[in-house]
């Protein structure tokens, strides 16, 4: 696979290699991709937990009815 970077992205990759943290661009990009995937998985798990909590609150009746118009008008004031 070939990836072409320009501008700030290329500068960041070059700086990481120059710092000695990575021996080449492929190592740096691979690390970033794996970290991004891990971060996205954590966000998804958190979202699922929050949805689960919300669904449990609905089942228990712990809800508050709101009117969208009231919410929109409250932001204007």
N, C-alpha and C. Protein backbone atom coordinates (compact mmCIF):
# COMPACT_ATOMS: atom_id res chain seq x y z
N UNK A 1 0.85 -1.18 0.00
CA UNK A 1 0.00 0.00 0.00
C UNK A 1 0.89 1.24 0.00
N UNK A 2 0.49 2.20 -0.78
CA UNK A 2 1.23 3.45 -0.81
C UNK A 2 0.31 4.56 -0.33
N UNK A 3 0.88 5.42 0.51
CA UNK A 3 0.14 6.56 1.03
C UNK A 3 0.95 7.80 0.75
N UNK A 4 0.30 8.82 0.24
CA UNK A 4 0.98 10.07 -0.04
C UNK A 4 0.49 11.12 0.95
N UNK A 5 1.41 11.68 1.70
CA UNK A 5 1.07 12.72 2.68
C UNK A 5 1.68 14.04 2.24
N UNK A 6 1.01 15.10 2.58
CA UNK A 6 1.57 16.40 2.27
C UNK A 6 1.32 17.35 3.42
N UNK A 7 1.97 18.47 3.38
CA UNK A 7 1.74 19.50 4.38
C UNK A 7 2.06 19.08 5.79
N UNK A 8 1.19 19.46 6.70
CA UNK A 8 1.40 19.24 8.13
C UNK A 8 1.53 17.75 8.46
N UNK A 9 0.74 16.90 7.81
CA UNK A 9 0.80 15.46 8.09
C UNK A 9 2.19 14.91 7.78
N UNK A 10 2.76 15.29 6.66
CA UNK A 10 4.09 14.83 6.29
C UNK A 10 5.14 15.34 7.27
N UNK A 11 4.98 16.58 7.70
CA UNK A 11 5.91 17.15 8.68
C UNK A 11 5.88 16.38 9.99
N UNK A 12 4.69 16.00 10.43
CA UNK A 12 4.56 15.26 11.69
C UNK A 12 5.24 13.91 11.57
N UNK A 13 5.01 13.21 10.47
CA UNK A 13 5.65 11.90 10.27
C UNK A 13 7.16 12.06 10.26
N UNK A 14 7.66 13.02 9.53
CA UNK A 14 9.10 13.25 9.46
C UNK A 14 9.68 13.59 10.83
N UNK A 15 8.97 14.38 11.61
CA UNK A 15 9.44 14.75 12.95
C UNK A 15 9.50 13.54 13.87
N UNK A 16 8.53 12.65 13.76
CA UNK A 16 8.53 11.45 14.60
C UNK A 16 9.70 10.53 14.25
N UNK A 17 9.98 10.42 12.97
CA UNK A 17 11.13 9.61 12.54
C UNK A 17 12.43 10.26 13.00
N UNK A 18 12.53 11.57 12.84
CA UNK A 18 13.74 12.30 13.24
C UNK A 18 13.97 12.21 14.75
N UNK A 19 12.89 12.11 15.52
CA UNK A 19 13.02 12.04 16.98
C UNK A 19 13.57 10.69 17.44
N UNK A 20 13.53 9.71 16.55
CA UNK A 20 14.02 8.39 16.90
C UNK A 20 12.94 7.48 17.48
N UNK A 21 11.73 8.00 17.64
CA UNK A 21 10.65 7.16 18.17
C UNK A 21 10.22 6.09 17.18
N UNK A 22 10.37 6.38 15.90
CA UNK A 22 10.01 5.43 14.85
C UNK A 22 11.16 5.37 13.86
N UNK A 23 11.36 4.18 13.29
CA UNK A 23 12.47 4.03 12.35
C UNK A 23 12.06 4.40 10.92
N UNK A 24 10.75 4.36 10.65
CA UNK A 24 10.29 4.72 9.31
C UNK A 24 8.83 5.13 9.35
N UNK A 25 8.36 5.66 8.24
CA UNK A 25 6.98 6.16 8.16
C UNK A 25 5.96 5.05 8.35
N UNK A 26 6.25 3.87 7.82
CA UNK A 26 5.30 2.75 7.93
C UNK A 26 5.05 2.38 9.38
N UNK A 27 6.11 2.37 10.19
CA UNK A 27 5.95 2.05 11.61
C UNK A 27 5.08 3.09 12.31
N UNK A 28 5.33 4.34 12.01
CA UNK A 28 4.55 5.42 12.63
C UNK A 28 3.09 5.34 12.21
N UNK A 29 2.84 5.21 10.92
CA UNK A 29 1.46 5.16 10.41
C UNK A 29 0.74 3.94 10.98
N UNK A 30 1.41 2.80 11.05
CA UNK A 30 0.79 1.60 11.62
C UNK A 30 0.40 1.82 13.06
N UNK A 31 1.28 2.45 13.83
CA UNK A 31 0.99 2.73 15.23
C UNK A 31 -0.21 3.65 15.36
N UNK A 32 -0.25 4.68 14.55
CA UNK A 32 -1.36 5.64 14.60
C UNK A 32 -2.68 4.97 14.22
N UNK A 33 -2.66 4.13 13.20
CA UNK A 33 -3.88 3.44 12.77
C UNK A 33 -4.39 2.53 13.89
N UNK A 34 -3.49 1.78 14.52
CA UNK A 34 -3.90 0.89 15.61
C UNK A 34 -4.44 1.68 16.80
N UNK A 35 -3.79 2.80 17.12
CA UNK A 35 -4.28 3.64 18.23
C UNK A 35 -5.64 4.25 17.90
N UNK A 36 -5.83 4.67 16.67
CA UNK A 36 -7.12 5.24 16.27
C UNK A 36 -8.22 4.19 16.37
N UNK A 37 -7.91 2.96 15.96
CA UNK A 37 -8.90 1.89 16.04
C UNK A 37 -9.24 1.59 17.50
N UNK A 38 -8.23 1.55 18.35
CA UNK A 38 -8.47 1.31 19.78
C UNK A 38 -9.33 2.43 20.37
N UNK A 39 -9.01 3.67 20.03
CA UNK A 39 -9.77 4.82 20.52
C UNK A 39 -11.23 4.73 20.06
N UNK A 40 -11.43 4.38 18.79
CA UNK A 40 -12.79 4.26 18.27
C UNK A 40 -13.56 3.15 18.96
N UNK A 41 -12.90 2.04 19.26
CA UNK A 41 -13.55 0.94 19.97
C UNK A 41 -13.96 1.38 21.38
N UNK A 42 -13.10 2.12 22.05
CA UNK A 42 -13.43 2.62 23.38
C UNK A 42 -14.61 3.58 23.34
N UNK A 43 -14.65 4.45 22.33
CA UNK A 43 -15.78 5.37 22.18
C UNK A 43 -17.07 4.59 21.94
N UNK A 44 -17.00 3.55 21.13
CA UNK A 44 -18.18 2.75 20.83
C UNK A 44 -18.67 2.03 22.09
N UNK A 45 -17.75 1.48 22.87
CA UNK A 45 -18.13 0.81 24.12
C UNK A 45 -18.79 1.80 25.07
N UNK A 46 -18.24 2.99 25.16
CA UNK A 46 -18.82 4.01 26.04
C UNK A 46 -20.22 4.39 25.57
N UNK A 47 -20.39 4.57 24.28
CA UNK A 47 -21.70 4.90 23.73
C UNK A 47 -22.71 3.79 24.04
N UNK A 48 -22.29 2.55 23.86
CA UNK A 48 -23.18 1.42 24.15
C UNK A 48 -23.58 1.40 25.62
N UNK A 49 -22.63 1.69 26.52
CA UNK A 49 -22.95 1.74 27.95
C UNK A 49 -23.96 2.84 28.24
N UNK A 50 -23.75 4.01 27.64
CA UNK A 50 -24.65 5.14 27.86
C UNK A 50 -26.05 4.83 27.33
N UNK A 51 -26.13 4.19 26.17
CA UNK A 51 -27.43 3.81 25.62
C UNK A 51 -28.11 2.80 26.54
N UNK A 52 -27.34 1.83 27.02
CA UNK A 52 -27.88 0.82 27.93
C UNK A 52 -28.44 1.47 29.20
N UNK A 53 -27.70 2.42 29.75
CA UNK A 53 -28.17 3.14 30.94
C UNK A 53 -29.47 3.88 30.62
N UNK A 54 -29.51 4.54 29.49
CA UNK A 54 -30.71 5.27 29.09
C UNK A 54 -31.91 4.35 28.93
N UNK A 55 -31.70 3.19 28.32
CA UNK A 55 -32.80 2.25 28.14
C UNK A 55 -33.30 1.72 29.48
N UNK A 56 -32.38 1.47 30.40
CA UNK A 56 -32.79 1.02 31.74
C UNK A 56 -33.59 2.11 32.45
N UNK A 57 -33.18 3.35 32.31
CA UNK A 57 -33.92 4.46 32.91
C UNK A 57 -35.33 4.55 32.33
N UNK A 58 -35.45 4.33 31.04
CA UNK A 58 -36.77 4.35 30.41
C UNK A 58 -37.64 3.23 30.97
N UNK A 59 -37.06 2.03 31.10
CA UNK A 59 -37.81 0.89 31.64
C UNK A 59 -38.32 1.18 33.06
N UNK A 60 -37.50 1.88 33.85
CA UNK A 60 -37.88 2.20 35.24
C UNK A 60 -38.84 3.38 35.30
N UNK A 61 -38.98 4.07 34.20
CA UNK A 61 -39.84 5.25 34.20
C UNK A 61 -39.14 6.51 34.63
N UNK A 62 -37.83 6.46 34.71
CA UNK A 62 -37.03 7.63 35.09
C UNK A 62 -36.82 8.54 33.87
N UNK A 63 -37.91 9.13 33.41
CA UNK A 63 -37.83 9.99 32.24
C UNK A 63 -38.54 11.31 32.52
N UNK A 64 -38.19 12.29 31.77
CA UNK A 64 -38.82 13.61 31.87
C UNK A 64 -39.31 13.97 30.48
N UNK A 65 -40.57 14.31 30.38
CA UNK A 65 -41.10 14.72 29.08
C UNK A 65 -40.70 16.17 28.83
N UNK A 66 -40.24 16.41 27.62
CA UNK A 66 -39.85 17.77 27.24
C UNK A 66 -40.48 18.11 25.91
N UNK A 67 -40.63 19.38 25.69
CA UNK A 67 -41.17 19.87 24.43
C UNK A 67 -40.02 20.51 23.67
N UNK A 68 -39.79 20.08 22.46
CA UNK A 68 -38.68 20.61 21.66
C UNK A 68 -38.76 22.12 21.52
N UNK A 69 -39.95 22.63 21.36
CA UNK A 69 -40.11 24.08 21.22
C UNK A 69 -39.65 24.82 22.48
N UNK A 70 -39.95 24.26 23.65
CA UNK A 70 -39.49 24.87 24.91
C UNK A 70 -37.97 24.88 24.99
N UNK A 71 -37.36 23.79 24.56
CA UNK A 71 -35.89 23.70 24.59
C UNK A 71 -35.29 24.75 23.65
N UNK A 72 -35.83 24.84 22.46
CA UNK A 72 -35.30 25.81 21.49
C UNK A 72 -35.49 27.24 21.97
N UNK A 73 -36.63 27.52 22.57
CA UNK A 73 -36.89 28.87 23.09
C UNK A 73 -36.00 29.19 24.28
N UNK A 74 -35.65 28.20 25.08
CA UNK A 74 -34.80 28.42 26.25
C UNK A 74 -33.41 28.87 25.81
N UNK A 75 -32.92 28.36 24.69
CA UNK A 75 -31.60 28.74 24.19
C UNK A 75 -31.57 30.17 23.68
N UNK A 76 -32.70 30.66 23.24
CA UNK A 76 -32.77 32.01 22.68
C UNK A 76 -32.69 33.06 23.78
N UNK A 77 -33.23 32.76 24.94
CA UNK A 77 -33.30 33.74 26.03
C UNK A 77 -31.98 34.04 26.64
